[in-house]
């Protein structure tokens, strides 16, 4: 039986108590008859003692004693709070009370214990570090050379896709040209040297303007973006005037809007410069990359 019996030490009245009542308030109860507070655990009765007591007082009071409330808590709130000890977690047969009672079984290490130090592993790592110190110079040198090579490749790509840098900086142009000669790659200047000017004609329009006409032919293996035309007007081997003519200025009306010149396809051009034909005795046209 789960019910037990306890006796009031004052009026000697016997009450039935359950295990739950004995755990609440650490067993402290109040006798309803004489209002005496006593510990029901200390006054539990054995079955033999109950028979002797019934011979003296045959009446056994079935009423259960009142549980003594702890300070700042009422009876209802305390009973409701202690219900959590009897609740079971979903998909588990262990309630909170069982878990707490067996906590030392599940974890027998004291809370203040210090985690064990893996000194053996530390010694091994230290030995490995000492053995790798002899290779550290070679290791860092190798990675330094690899990073330097990657940086050079990055700079080469920047200049490759931005040919205007070679025009503005002669040093970069010289280094880039030498690098391309070693790697056997074509620079922008080398590619645009394959565009040839042919059928060139010069005609004076009036005293202030001169017209140039001719054809551009791409002898390179691939199509190229339309180049600029650099015009040098000379008098007695001295440069008098220099002009940079863009594709929009030299393309004829039927070709306006085209951006690239294909392989082996002559493109006619025509443009006018604001210079009298009498002001120069020699002229030179150069194809430069855009």
Protein backbone atom coordinates (compact mmCIF):
# COMPACT_ATOMS: atom_id res chain seq x y z
CA UNK A 1 0.00 0.00 0.00
CA UNK A 2 1.19 3.46 -0.81
CA UNK A 3 -0.68 5.07 2.11
CA UNK A 4 1.05 5.20 5.47
CA UNK A 5 -0.11 6.25 8.94
CA UNK A 6 1.31 8.82 11.30
CA UNK A 7 0.36 9.94 14.83
CA UNK A 8 0.02 13.43 16.21
CA UNK A 9 2.43 13.69 19.18
CA UNK A 10 0.02 15.98 21.07
CA UNK A 11 -3.43 14.43 20.79
CA UNK A 12 -2.23 11.03 19.51
CA UNK A 13 -4.71 11.08 16.64
CA UNK A 14 -3.77 8.72 13.79
CA UNK A 15 -3.90 9.99 10.20
CA UNK A 16 -3.41 8.39 6.81
CA UNK A 17 -0.69 10.07 4.73
CA UNK A 18 0.61 9.39 1.22
CA UNK A 19 4.16 9.47 -0.09
CA UNK A 20 3.42 12.76 -1.88
CA UNK A 21 2.26 14.36 1.37
CA UNK A 22 5.42 13.18 3.10
CA UNK A 23 7.64 14.78 0.42
CA UNK A 24 5.82 18.12 0.45
CA UNK A 25 7.28 20.62 2.94
CA UNK A 26 9.79 17.94 4.03
CA UNK A 27 7.05 16.01 5.88
CA UNK A 28 5.77 18.88 8.03
CA UNK A 29 1.97 18.63 8.60
CA UNK A 30 -0.62 20.27 10.86
CA UNK A 31 -3.05 18.30 13.00
CA UNK A 32 -6.64 19.43 12.22
CA UNK A 33 -7.78 18.43 15.71
CA UNK A 34 -5.31 20.23 17.94
CA UNK A 35 -3.53 22.47 15.37
CA UNK A 36 -0.13 21.05 16.27
CA UNK A 37 2.62 21.19 13.67
CA UNK A 38 4.73 18.03 13.59
CA UNK A 39 6.93 16.04 11.22
CA UNK A 40 4.89 13.11 9.88
CA UNK A 41 8.05 11.24 8.87
CA UNK A 42 9.26 11.11 12.46
CA UNK A 43 5.92 9.80 13.75
CA UNK A 44 5.15 7.07 11.23
CA UNK A 45 3.48 3.97 12.74
CA UNK A 46 4.22 0.30 12.17
CA UNK A 47 1.25 -2.04 11.57
CA UNK A 48 1.86 -3.72 14.96
CA UNK A 49 1.81 -0.37 16.71
CA UNK A 50 -1.48 0.48 14.99
CA UNK A 51 -3.20 -2.66 16.41
CA UNK A 52 -2.08 -1.77 19.92
CA UNK A 53 -3.27 1.77 19.47
CA UNK A 54 -6.67 0.58 18.21
CA UNK A 55 -7.10 -1.43 21.43
CA UNK A 56 -6.72 1.79 23.39
CA UNK A 57 -8.53 4.08 20.97
CA UNK A 58 -10.61 2.02 18.63
CA UNK A 59 -11.63 5.03 16.57
CA UNK A 60 -9.26 5.69 13.67
CA UNK A 61 -9.67 9.12 12.14
CA UNK A 62 -9.63 8.87 8.41
CA UNK A 63 -9.04 12.56 7.96
CA UNK A 64 -5.61 13.45 6.53
CA UNK A 65 -3.49 16.10 8.20
CA UNK A 66 -3.00 19.48 6.64
CA UNK A 67 0.36 20.17 5.00
CA UNK A 68 2.26 23.01 6.59
CA UNK A 69 2.79 25.85 4.11
CA UNK A 70 6.30 27.17 3.67
CA UNK A 71 6.83 30.92 4.05
CA UNK A 72 5.65 33.16 1.18
CA UNK A 73 3.86 30.21 -0.54
CA UNK A 74 0.28 29.06 -0.33
CA UNK A 75 -0.82 25.44 -0.31
CA UNK A 76 -2.39 25.45 -3.79
CA UNK A 77 0.59 27.01 -5.49
CA UNK A 78 3.03 24.63 -3.78
CA UNK A 79 1.00 21.54 -4.71
CA UNK A 80 0.76 22.74 -8.29
CA UNK A 81 4.50 23.41 -8.42
CA UNK A 82 5.40 19.96 -7.11
CA UNK A 83 3.33 18.32 -9.84
CA UNK A 84 6.27 18.79 -12.21
CA UNK A 85 8.15 16.04 -10.34
CA UNK A 86 5.51 13.51 -11.45
CA UNK A 87 5.39 14.59 -15.11
CA UNK A 88 7.06 12.48 -17.73
CA UNK A 89 8.83 13.73 -20.79
CA UNK A 90 7.36 12.79 -24.15
CA UNK A 91 8.59 9.39 -25.41
CA UNK A 92 10.19 8.68 -22.02
CA UNK A 93 9.23 6.63 -18.97
CA UNK A 94 11.39 8.63 -16.53
CA UNK A 95 9.86 11.49 -14.57
CA UNK A 96 11.77 14.37 -13.01
CA UNK A 97 11.84 12.87 -9.54
CA UNK A 98 13.38 9.62 -10.81
CA UNK A 99 15.96 11.54 -12.80
CA UNK A 100 16.96 13.71 -9.84
CA UNK A 101 17.20 10.73 -7.52
CA UNK A 102 19.50 8.94 -9.99
CA UNK A 103 21.50 12.00 -11.03
CA UNK A 104 24.60 10.79 -9.24
CA UNK A 105 24.30 7.50 -11.08
CA UNK A 106 24.18 9.19 -14.46
CA UNK A 107 27.03 11.59 -13.70
CA UNK A 108 29.34 10.60 -10.88
CA UNK A 109 31.88 13.40 -11.46
CA UNK A 110 31.82 16.28 -8.98
CA UNK A 111 30.89 19.67 -10.36
CA UNK A 112 34.14 21.27 -9.26
CA UNK A 113 36.31 18.75 -11.08
CA UNK A 114 38.81 20.16 -13.55
CA UNK A 115 38.82 18.68 -17.09
CA UNK A 116 41.71 16.37 -17.69
CA UNK A 117 44.54 17.86 -19.70
CA UNK A 118 45.72 15.95 -22.74
CA UNK A 119 49.38 16.44 -21.96
CA UNK A 120 50.50 13.55 -24.14
CA UNK A 121 48.97 15.08 -27.25
CA UNK A 122 50.52 18.44 -26.37
CA UNK A 123 53.96 16.85 -26.14
CA UNK A 124 53.49 15.19 -29.53
CA UNK A 125 52.38 18.47 -31.13
CA UNK A 126 55.37 20.26 -29.62
CA UNK A 127 57.71 17.63 -31.04
CA UNK A 128 56.11 17.95 -34.47
CA UNK A 129 56.51 21.72 -34.35
CA UNK A 130 60.20 21.36 -33.54
CA UNK A 131 60.68 18.97 -36.45
CA UNK A 132 58.90 21.37 -38.82
CA UNK A 133 61.03 24.37 -37.84
CA UNK A 134 63.83 23.12 -40.05
CA UNK A 135 61.46 23.22 -43.04
CA UNK A 136 59.87 26.56 -42.22
CA UNK A 137 62.24 28.60 -44.44
CA UNK A 138 61.64 26.41 -47.47
CA UNK A 139 57.89 26.42 -46.78
CA UNK A 140 57.57 30.19 -46.58
CA UNK A 141 59.91 30.72 -49.53
CA UNK A 142 57.85 28.43 -51.74
CA UNK A 143 54.59 30.10 -50.84
CA UNK A 144 56.19 33.52 -51.28
CA UNK A 145 57.25 32.65 -54.84
CA UNK A 146 53.79 31.28 -55.63
CA UNK A 147 52.10 34.45 -54.39
CA UNK A 148 54.58 36.59 -56.35
CA UNK A 149 53.82 34.64 -59.53
CA UNK A 150 50.08 35.09 -59.00
CA UNK A 151 50.60 38.83 -58.49
CA UNK A 152 52.59 39.10 -61.72
CA UNK A 153 49.86 37.25 -63.63
CA UNK A 154 47.25 39.62 -62.20
CA UNK A 155 49.25 42.70 -63.24
CA UNK A 156 49.80 41.23 -66.71
CA UNK A 157 46.06 40.72 -67.14
CA UNK A 158 45.34 44.29 -66.02
CA UNK A 159 47.71 45.68 -68.68
CA UNK A 160 46.46 43.19 -71.29
CA UNK A 161 42.84 44.30 -70.95
CA UNK A 162 43.75 47.98 -70.54
CA UNK A 163 46.11 48.80 -73.43
CA UNK A 164 45.76 52.51 -72.70
CA UNK A 165 48.18 52.00 -69.80
CA UNK A 166 50.99 51.21 -72.24
CA UNK A 167 50.32 54.49 -74.04
CA UNK A 168 50.50 56.59 -70.91
CA UNK A 169 53.46 54.85 -69.26
CA UNK A 170 56.47 54.03 -71.47
CA UNK A 171 58.05 51.85 -68.76
CA UNK A 172 54.96 49.64 -68.59
CA UNK A 173 54.90 49.47 -72.39
CA UNK A 174 58.53 48.33 -72.52
CA UNK A 175 58.10 45.69 -69.82
CA UNK A 176 54.85 44.46 -71.34
CA UNK A 177 56.38 44.22 -74.82
CA UNK A 178 59.40 42.28 -73.56
CA UNK A 179 57.15 39.93 -71.59
CA UNK A 180 54.99 39.28 -74.65
CA UNK A 181 58.08 38.60 -76.78
CA UNK A 182 59.16 35.95 -74.26
CA UNK A 183 55.69 34.41 -74.01
CA UNK A 184 55.11 34.84 -77.76
CA UNK A 185 51.83 36.65 -77.29
CA UNK A 186 50.46 39.48 -79.43
CA UNK A 187 50.19 42.94 -77.93
CA UNK A 188 47.60 45.47 -79.02
CA UNK A 189 50.21 47.37 -81.02
CA UNK A 190 51.27 44.19 -82.80
CA UNK A 191 47.70 43.25 -83.65
CA UNK A 192 46.87 46.67 -85.08
CA UNK A 193 50.00 46.66 -87.22
CA UNK A 194 48.13 44.16 -89.39
CA UNK A 195 45.65 46.88 -90.40
CA UNK A 196 46.94 48.42 -93.63
CA UNK A 197 45.98 51.75 -95.21
CA UNK A 198 45.70 51.57 -98.99
CA UNK A 199 44.45 53.66 -101.92
CA UNK A 200 45.18 56.85 -99.98
CA UNK A 201 44.26 60.10 -101.70
CA UNK A 202 44.60 63.71 -100.54
CA UNK A 203 42.46 66.48 -101.97
CA UNK A 204 42.23 70.18 -101.15
CA UNK A 205 38.64 71.27 -100.61
CA UNK A 206 39.34 74.95 -100.08
CA UNK A 207 41.97 77.21 -98.52
CA UNK A 208 41.15 75.93 -95.03
CA UNK A 209 40.28 72.23 -95.45
CA UNK A 210 41.92 69.11 -96.87
CA UNK A 211 40.22 65.77 -97.52
CA UNK A 212 41.77 62.32 -97.03
CA UNK A 213 40.24 59.17 -98.54
CA UNK A 214 41.39 55.54 -98.65
CA UNK A 215 40.74 52.00 -97.38
CA UNK A 216 41.47 50.07 -94.18
CA UNK A 217 42.23 46.35 -94.58
CA UNK A 218 42.59 43.93 -91.66
CA UNK A 219 45.20 41.25 -92.34
CA UNK A 220 45.03 39.87 -88.79
CA UNK A 221 43.58 36.39 -88.18
CA UNK A 222 40.66 37.79 -86.17
CA UNK A 223 38.38 40.78 -86.31
CA UNK A 224 39.54 43.87 -84.46
CA UNK A 225 37.88 46.89 -82.98
CA UNK A 226 37.96 49.83 -85.36
CA UNK A 227 41.21 51.74 -84.82
CA UNK A 228 42.01 55.42 -84.58
CA UNK A 229 43.91 57.12 -87.39
CA UNK A 230 46.76 59.40 -86.45
CA UNK A 231 47.50 62.08 -89.08
CA UNK A 232 50.87 63.83 -89.11
CA UNK A 233 51.22 66.87 -91.38
CA UNK A 234 54.86 67.80 -92.05
CA UNK A 235 56.60 70.71 -93.68
CA UNK A 236 60.33 70.37 -94.49
CA UNK A 237 60.46 67.21 -92.34
CA UNK A 238 58.98 69.03 -89.36
CA UNK A 239 55.61 68.06 -87.90
CA UNK A 240 53.23 70.98 -88.38
CA UNK A 241 49.96 69.55 -87.04
CA UNK A 242 48.81 66.25 -85.54
CA UNK A 243 45.24 64.92 -85.69
CA UNK A 244 43.61 61.86 -84.05
CA UNK A 245 40.62 60.74 -86.15
CA UNK A 246 38.02 58.48 -84.48
CA UNK A 247 35.97 55.83 -86.36
CA UNK A 248 32.85 58.02 -86.19
CA UNK A 249 34.78 60.73 -88.04
CA UNK A 250 36.32 58.66 -90.84
CA UNK A 251 33.64 56.03 -91.63
CA UNK A 252 31.44 56.68 -94.62
CA UNK A 253 27.70 57.02 -94.09
CA UNK A 254 26.88 53.43 -95.04
CA UNK A 255 29.26 52.07 -92.39
CA UNK A 256 28.38 54.35 -89.46
CA UNK A 257 27.54 52.27 -86.36
CA UNK A 258 29.95 49.40 -87.11
CA UNK A 259 32.38 48.79 -84.23
CA UNK A 260 34.74 46.10 -85.57
CA UNK A 261 36.62 45.47 -88.78
CA UNK A 262 36.59 41.84 -89.97
CA UNK A 263 39.45 39.91 -91.51
CA UNK A 264 40.36 40.72 -95.12
CA UNK A 265 37.46 43.11 -95.60
CA UNK A 266 38.45 46.61 -96.85
CA UNK A 267 36.66 49.47 -95.13
CA UNK A 268 36.63 52.79 -97.03
CA UNK A 269 37.21 55.93 -95.00
CA UNK A 270 36.95 59.67 -95.62
CA UNK A 271 37.65 62.60 -93.33
CA UNK A 272 38.53 66.28 -93.52
CA UNK A 273 41.16 68.19 -91.54
CA UNK A 274 41.15 71.94 -90.98
CA UNK A 275 44.45 72.61 -92.68
CA UNK A 276 45.26 74.11 -96.07
CA UNK A 277 46.98 71.86 -98.58
CA UNK A 278 49.69 74.46 -99.04
CA UNK A 279 50.70 74.35 -95.35
CA UNK A 280 52.31 70.91 -95.58
CA UNK A 281 54.37 69.11 -98.18
CA UNK A 282 54.32 65.69 -96.62
CA UNK A 283 51.83 63.67 -94.55
CA UNK A 284 51.82 60.41 -92.64
CA UNK A 285 48.90 58.26 -91.48
CA UNK A 286 49.29 55.71 -88.66
CA UNK A 287 46.84 53.14 -87.32
CA UNK A 288 46.70 53.09 -83.52
CA UNK A 289 44.65 50.87 -81.24
CA UNK A 290 41.60 52.41 -79.55
